[in-house]
Amino acid sequence: MLEDIRINMMTRIVQKRKLCNGWKQNYGPLVKVKFDADKKDYVEWQLIWNGENGCKLRKGSYQYTADLSQRICNCRSWQISGIPCSHAC
């Protein structure tokens, strides 16, 4: 039974590698969809530059600080998912 599981895992890894080699970007299609949706949302935010790599974003009563060099944002979405949030876009 363990040998069957090992063979199934090896074939699955090969299939996934072939799928990933067909990508045109350095990230997957689901990440691209989320990133594109976040890019559309960022137009509504007011950007205030506060240094070399950081900025403050405001929209109504909401405000966030994003540091591009450390890849962090106060909303913490970027740190959790690894995909830049709309504030970082």
N, C-alpha and C. Protein backbone atom coordinates (compact mmCIF):
# COMPACT_ATOMS: atom_id res chain seq x y z
N MET A 1 0.82 -1.19 0.00
CA MET A 1 0.00 0.00 0.00
C MET A 1 0.87 1.27 0.00
N LEU A 2 1.95 1.28 0.77
CA LEU A 2 2.83 2.44 0.81
C LEU A 2 3.50 2.67 -0.55
N GLU A 3 3.81 1.60 -1.22
CA GLU A 3 4.43 1.73 -2.55
C GLU A 3 3.45 2.37 -3.53
N ASP A 4 2.17 2.01 -3.45
CA ASP A 4 1.16 2.63 -4.32
C ASP A 4 1.03 4.12 -4.03
N ILE A 5 1.05 4.49 -2.75
CA ILE A 5 0.96 5.90 -2.38
C ILE A 5 2.18 6.65 -2.91
N ARG A 6 3.36 6.06 -2.78
CA ARG A 6 4.58 6.70 -3.28
C ARG A 6 4.52 6.92 -4.78
N ILE A 7 4.05 5.93 -5.52
CA ILE A 7 3.95 6.05 -6.98
C ILE A 7 2.93 7.13 -7.37
N ASN A 8 1.80 7.15 -6.66
CA ASN A 8 0.79 8.18 -6.94
C ASN A 8 1.33 9.58 -6.68
N MET A 9 2.09 9.74 -5.61
CA MET A 9 2.66 11.04 -5.30
C MET A 9 3.70 11.46 -6.33
N MET A 10 4.51 10.53 -6.79
CA MET A 10 5.52 10.84 -7.81
C MET A 10 4.86 11.28 -9.11
N THR A 11 3.81 10.61 -9.52
CA THR A 11 3.12 10.99 -10.76
C THR A 11 2.41 12.33 -10.59
N ARG A 12 1.87 12.58 -9.40
CA ARG A 12 1.22 13.86 -9.16
C ARG A 12 2.22 15.01 -9.21
N ILE A 13 3.40 14.82 -8.66
CA ILE A 13 4.43 15.86 -8.68
C ILE A 13 4.83 16.17 -10.12
N VAL A 14 4.96 15.14 -10.95
CA VAL A 14 5.32 15.35 -12.36
C VAL A 14 4.21 16.12 -13.09
N GLN A 15 2.96 15.76 -12.84
CA GLN A 15 1.84 16.46 -13.47
C GLN A 15 1.79 17.92 -13.06
N LYS A 16 1.98 18.21 -11.77
CA LYS A 16 1.96 19.58 -11.29
C LYS A 16 3.13 20.39 -11.86
N ARG A 17 4.29 19.76 -12.00
CA ARG A 17 5.45 20.45 -12.56
C ARG A 17 5.19 20.81 -14.02
N LYS A 18 4.57 19.92 -14.79
CA LYS A 18 4.23 20.23 -16.18
C LYS A 18 3.23 21.37 -16.26
N LEU A 19 2.27 21.38 -15.36
CA LEU A 19 1.28 22.46 -15.32
C LEU A 19 1.94 23.79 -15.01
N CYS A 20 2.84 23.81 -14.05
CA CYS A 20 3.52 25.05 -13.65
C CYS A 20 4.46 25.56 -14.73
N ASN A 21 5.05 24.67 -15.50
CA ASN A 21 5.95 25.10 -16.57
C ASN A 21 5.19 25.82 -17.68
N GLY A 22 3.88 25.64 -17.76
CA GLY A 22 3.07 26.30 -18.77
C GLY A 22 2.65 27.71 -18.38
N TRP A 23 2.93 28.15 -17.17
CA TRP A 23 2.55 29.49 -16.73
C TRP A 23 3.39 30.53 -17.43
N LYS A 24 2.79 31.66 -17.76
CA LYS A 24 3.51 32.74 -18.42
C LYS A 24 4.15 33.70 -17.41
N GLN A 25 3.64 33.72 -16.17
CA GLN A 25 4.19 34.58 -15.12
C GLN A 25 4.94 33.71 -14.12
N ASN A 26 5.49 34.37 -13.11
CA ASN A 26 6.18 33.66 -12.04
C ASN A 26 5.23 33.22 -10.93
N TYR A 27 3.94 33.39 -11.15
CA TYR A 27 2.93 33.02 -10.17
C TYR A 27 1.76 32.37 -10.90
N GLY A 28 0.89 31.74 -10.14
CA GLY A 28 -0.21 30.98 -10.72
C GLY A 28 -1.38 31.83 -11.16
N PRO A 29 -2.31 31.22 -11.91
CA PRO A 29 -3.45 31.97 -12.43
C PRO A 29 -4.40 32.46 -11.34
N LEU A 30 -4.55 31.73 -10.24
CA LEU A 30 -5.43 32.18 -9.17
C LEU A 30 -4.85 33.40 -8.45
N VAL A 31 -3.53 33.45 -8.32
CA VAL A 31 -2.88 34.61 -7.72
C VAL A 31 -3.05 35.81 -8.63
N LYS A 32 -2.96 35.61 -9.93
CA LYS A 32 -3.13 36.71 -10.89
C LYS A 32 -4.54 37.29 -10.82
N VAL A 33 -5.55 36.46 -10.66
CA VAL A 33 -6.93 36.94 -10.54
C VAL A 33 -7.08 37.81 -9.30
N LYS A 34 -6.53 37.36 -8.18
CA LYS A 34 -6.62 38.13 -6.93
C LYS A 34 -5.85 39.44 -7.04
N PHE A 35 -4.69 39.40 -7.63
CA PHE A 35 -3.87 40.60 -7.80
C PHE A 35 -4.57 41.62 -8.70
N ASP A 36 -5.18 41.16 -9.79
CA ASP A 36 -5.89 42.06 -10.69
C ASP A 36 -7.10 42.69 -10.01
N ALA A 37 -7.80 41.93 -9.17
CA ALA A 37 -8.93 42.49 -8.43
C ALA A 37 -8.46 43.55 -7.44
N ASP A 38 -7.33 43.31 -6.78
CA ASP A 38 -6.78 44.28 -5.84
C ASP A 38 -6.32 45.56 -6.56
N LYS A 39 -5.79 45.41 -7.76
CA LYS A 39 -5.34 46.58 -8.52
C LYS A 39 -6.51 47.50 -8.85
N LYS A 40 -7.68 46.92 -9.13
CA LYS A 40 -8.85 47.74 -9.44
C LYS A 40 -9.32 48.52 -8.21
N ASP A 41 -9.14 47.96 -7.04
CA ASP A 41 -9.60 48.59 -5.81
C ASP A 41 -8.70 49.74 -5.37
N TYR A 42 -7.44 49.72 -5.75
CA TYR A 42 -6.49 50.72 -5.24
C TYR A 42 -6.73 52.11 -5.81
N VAL A 43 -7.47 52.25 -6.89
CA VAL A 43 -7.70 53.55 -7.52
C VAL A 43 -8.42 54.50 -6.56
N GLU A 44 -9.22 53.97 -5.67
CA GLU A 44 -10.01 54.80 -4.75
C GLU A 44 -9.20 55.33 -3.57
N TRP A 45 -7.99 54.85 -3.36
CA TRP A 45 -7.19 55.23 -2.19
C TRP A 45 -6.34 56.45 -2.49
N GLN A 46 -6.21 57.35 -1.51
CA GLN A 46 -5.35 58.52 -1.62
C GLN A 46 -3.97 58.15 -1.08
N LEU A 47 -2.94 58.38 -1.87
CA LEU A 47 -1.58 57.99 -1.52
C LEU A 47 -0.81 59.18 -0.95
N ILE A 48 -0.18 58.99 0.21
CA ILE A 48 0.69 59.99 0.82
C ILE A 48 2.03 59.33 1.06
N TRP A 49 3.04 59.76 0.31
CA TRP A 49 4.38 59.15 0.40
C TRP A 49 5.05 59.58 1.69
N ASN A 50 5.60 58.63 2.47
CA ASN A 50 6.21 59.00 3.74
C ASN A 50 7.66 58.53 3.89
N GLY A 51 8.35 58.38 2.80
CA GLY A 51 9.75 57.98 2.87
C GLY A 51 10.17 57.25 1.61
N GLU A 52 11.32 56.60 1.68
CA GLU A 52 11.84 55.91 0.51
C GLU A 52 10.98 54.74 0.06
N ASN A 53 10.57 53.90 1.01
CA ASN A 53 9.86 52.68 0.65
C ASN A 53 8.46 52.59 1.23
N GLY A 54 8.01 53.58 1.95
CA GLY A 54 6.73 53.48 2.62
C GLY A 54 5.74 54.52 2.14
N CYS A 55 4.47 54.27 2.41
CA CYS A 55 3.44 55.23 2.06
C CYS A 55 2.23 55.02 2.97
N LYS A 56 1.45 56.05 3.11
CA LYS A 56 0.22 55.99 3.88
C LYS A 56 -0.93 56.11 2.89
N LEU A 57 -1.94 55.28 3.04
CA LEU A 57 -3.08 55.29 2.14
C LEU A 57 -4.33 55.61 2.93
N ARG A 58 -5.15 56.48 2.36
CA ARG A 58 -6.38 56.89 3.04
C ARG A 58 -7.56 56.78 2.10
N LYS A 59 -8.67 56.34 2.67
CA LYS A 59 -9.94 56.28 1.94
C LYS A 59 -11.03 56.47 2.98
N GLY A 60 -11.60 57.66 3.03
CA GLY A 60 -12.60 57.96 4.05
C GLY A 60 -11.97 57.95 5.43
N SER A 61 -12.53 57.17 6.33
CA SER A 61 -11.99 57.09 7.69
C SER A 61 -10.95 55.98 7.83
N TYR A 62 -10.72 55.21 6.79
CA TYR A 62 -9.74 54.12 6.82
C TYR A 62 -8.38 54.65 6.41
N GLN A 63 -7.34 54.18 7.06
CA GLN A 63 -5.99 54.51 6.64
C GLN A 63 -5.05 53.37 6.99
N TYR A 64 -4.12 53.09 6.09
CA TYR A 64 -3.15 52.02 6.25
C TYR A 64 -1.78 52.54 5.89
N THR A 65 -0.76 51.91 6.44
CA THR A 65 0.62 52.21 6.10
C THR A 65 1.24 50.97 5.47
N ALA A 66 1.82 51.15 4.30
CA ALA A 66 2.46 50.04 3.60
C ALA A 66 3.94 50.31 3.45
N ASP A 67 4.77 49.33 3.76
CA ASP A 67 6.21 49.43 3.59
C ASP A 67 6.61 48.45 2.50
N LEU A 68 6.99 48.97 1.34
CA LEU A 68 7.25 48.13 0.18
C LEU A 68 8.55 47.34 0.30
N SER A 69 9.55 47.89 1.00
CA SER A 69 10.82 47.18 1.11
C SER A 69 10.70 45.96 2.02
N GLN A 70 9.90 46.07 3.08
CA GLN A 70 9.72 44.93 3.99
C GLN A 70 8.50 44.08 3.64
N ARG A 71 7.75 44.52 2.65
CA ARG A 71 6.54 43.82 2.19
C ARG A 71 5.53 43.62 3.31
N ILE A 72 5.21 44.72 3.99
CA ILE A 72 4.22 44.65 5.06
C ILE A 72 3.20 45.78 4.87
N CYS A 73 2.00 45.55 5.37
CA CYS A 73 0.93 46.53 5.37
C CYS A 73 0.16 46.38 6.67
N ASN A 74 -0.40 47.47 7.16
CA ASN A 74 -1.15 47.42 8.41
C ASN A 74 -2.38 46.53 8.34
N CYS A 75 -2.91 46.31 7.17
CA CYS A 75 -4.09 45.44 7.05
C CYS A 75 -3.72 43.97 7.24
N ARG A 76 -2.44 43.66 7.16
CA ARG A 76 -1.85 42.33 7.37
C ARG A 76 -2.25 41.29 6.32
N SER A 77 -2.97 41.69 5.31
CA SER A 77 -3.35 40.75 4.25
C SER A 77 -2.13 40.30 3.46
N TRP A 78 -1.20 41.22 3.22
CA TRP A 78 0.01 40.91 2.46
C TRP A 78 0.87 39.89 3.19
N GLN A 79 1.01 40.02 4.52
CA GLN A 79 1.82 39.09 5.28
C GLN A 79 1.16 37.71 5.35
N ILE A 80 -0.16 37.67 5.43
CA ILE A 80 -0.87 36.40 5.57
C ILE A 80 -0.85 35.61 4.27
N SER A 81 -1.19 36.28 3.15
CA SER A 81 -1.32 35.55 1.89
C SER A 81 -0.05 35.56 1.05
N GLY A 82 0.82 36.54 1.24
CA GLY A 82 2.00 36.66 0.41
C GLY A 82 1.72 37.37 -0.90
N ILE A 83 0.47 37.74 -1.14
CA ILE A 83 0.06 38.46 -2.34
C ILE A 83 -0.16 39.92 -1.95
N PRO A 84 0.43 40.87 -2.67
CA PRO A 84 0.25 42.28 -2.30
C PRO A 84 -1.22 42.66 -2.22
N CYS A 85 -1.59 43.34 -1.15
CA CYS A 85 -2.97 43.82 -0.99
C CYS A 85 -3.21 45.03 -1.88
N SER A 86 -4.44 45.52 -1.89
CA SER A 86 -4.76 46.66 -2.74
C SER A 86 -4.00 47.91 -2.31
N HIS A 87 -3.64 48.00 -1.04
CA HIS A 87 -2.88 49.15 -0.55
C HIS A 87 -1.45 49.12 -1.09
N ALA A 88 -0.89 47.94 -1.19
CA ALA A 88 0.49 47.81 -1.67
C ALA A 88 0.57 47.93 -3.19
N CYS A 89 -0.53 47.66 -3.86
CA CYS A 89 -0.53 47.77 -5.33
C CYS A 89 -0.31 49.21 -5.74
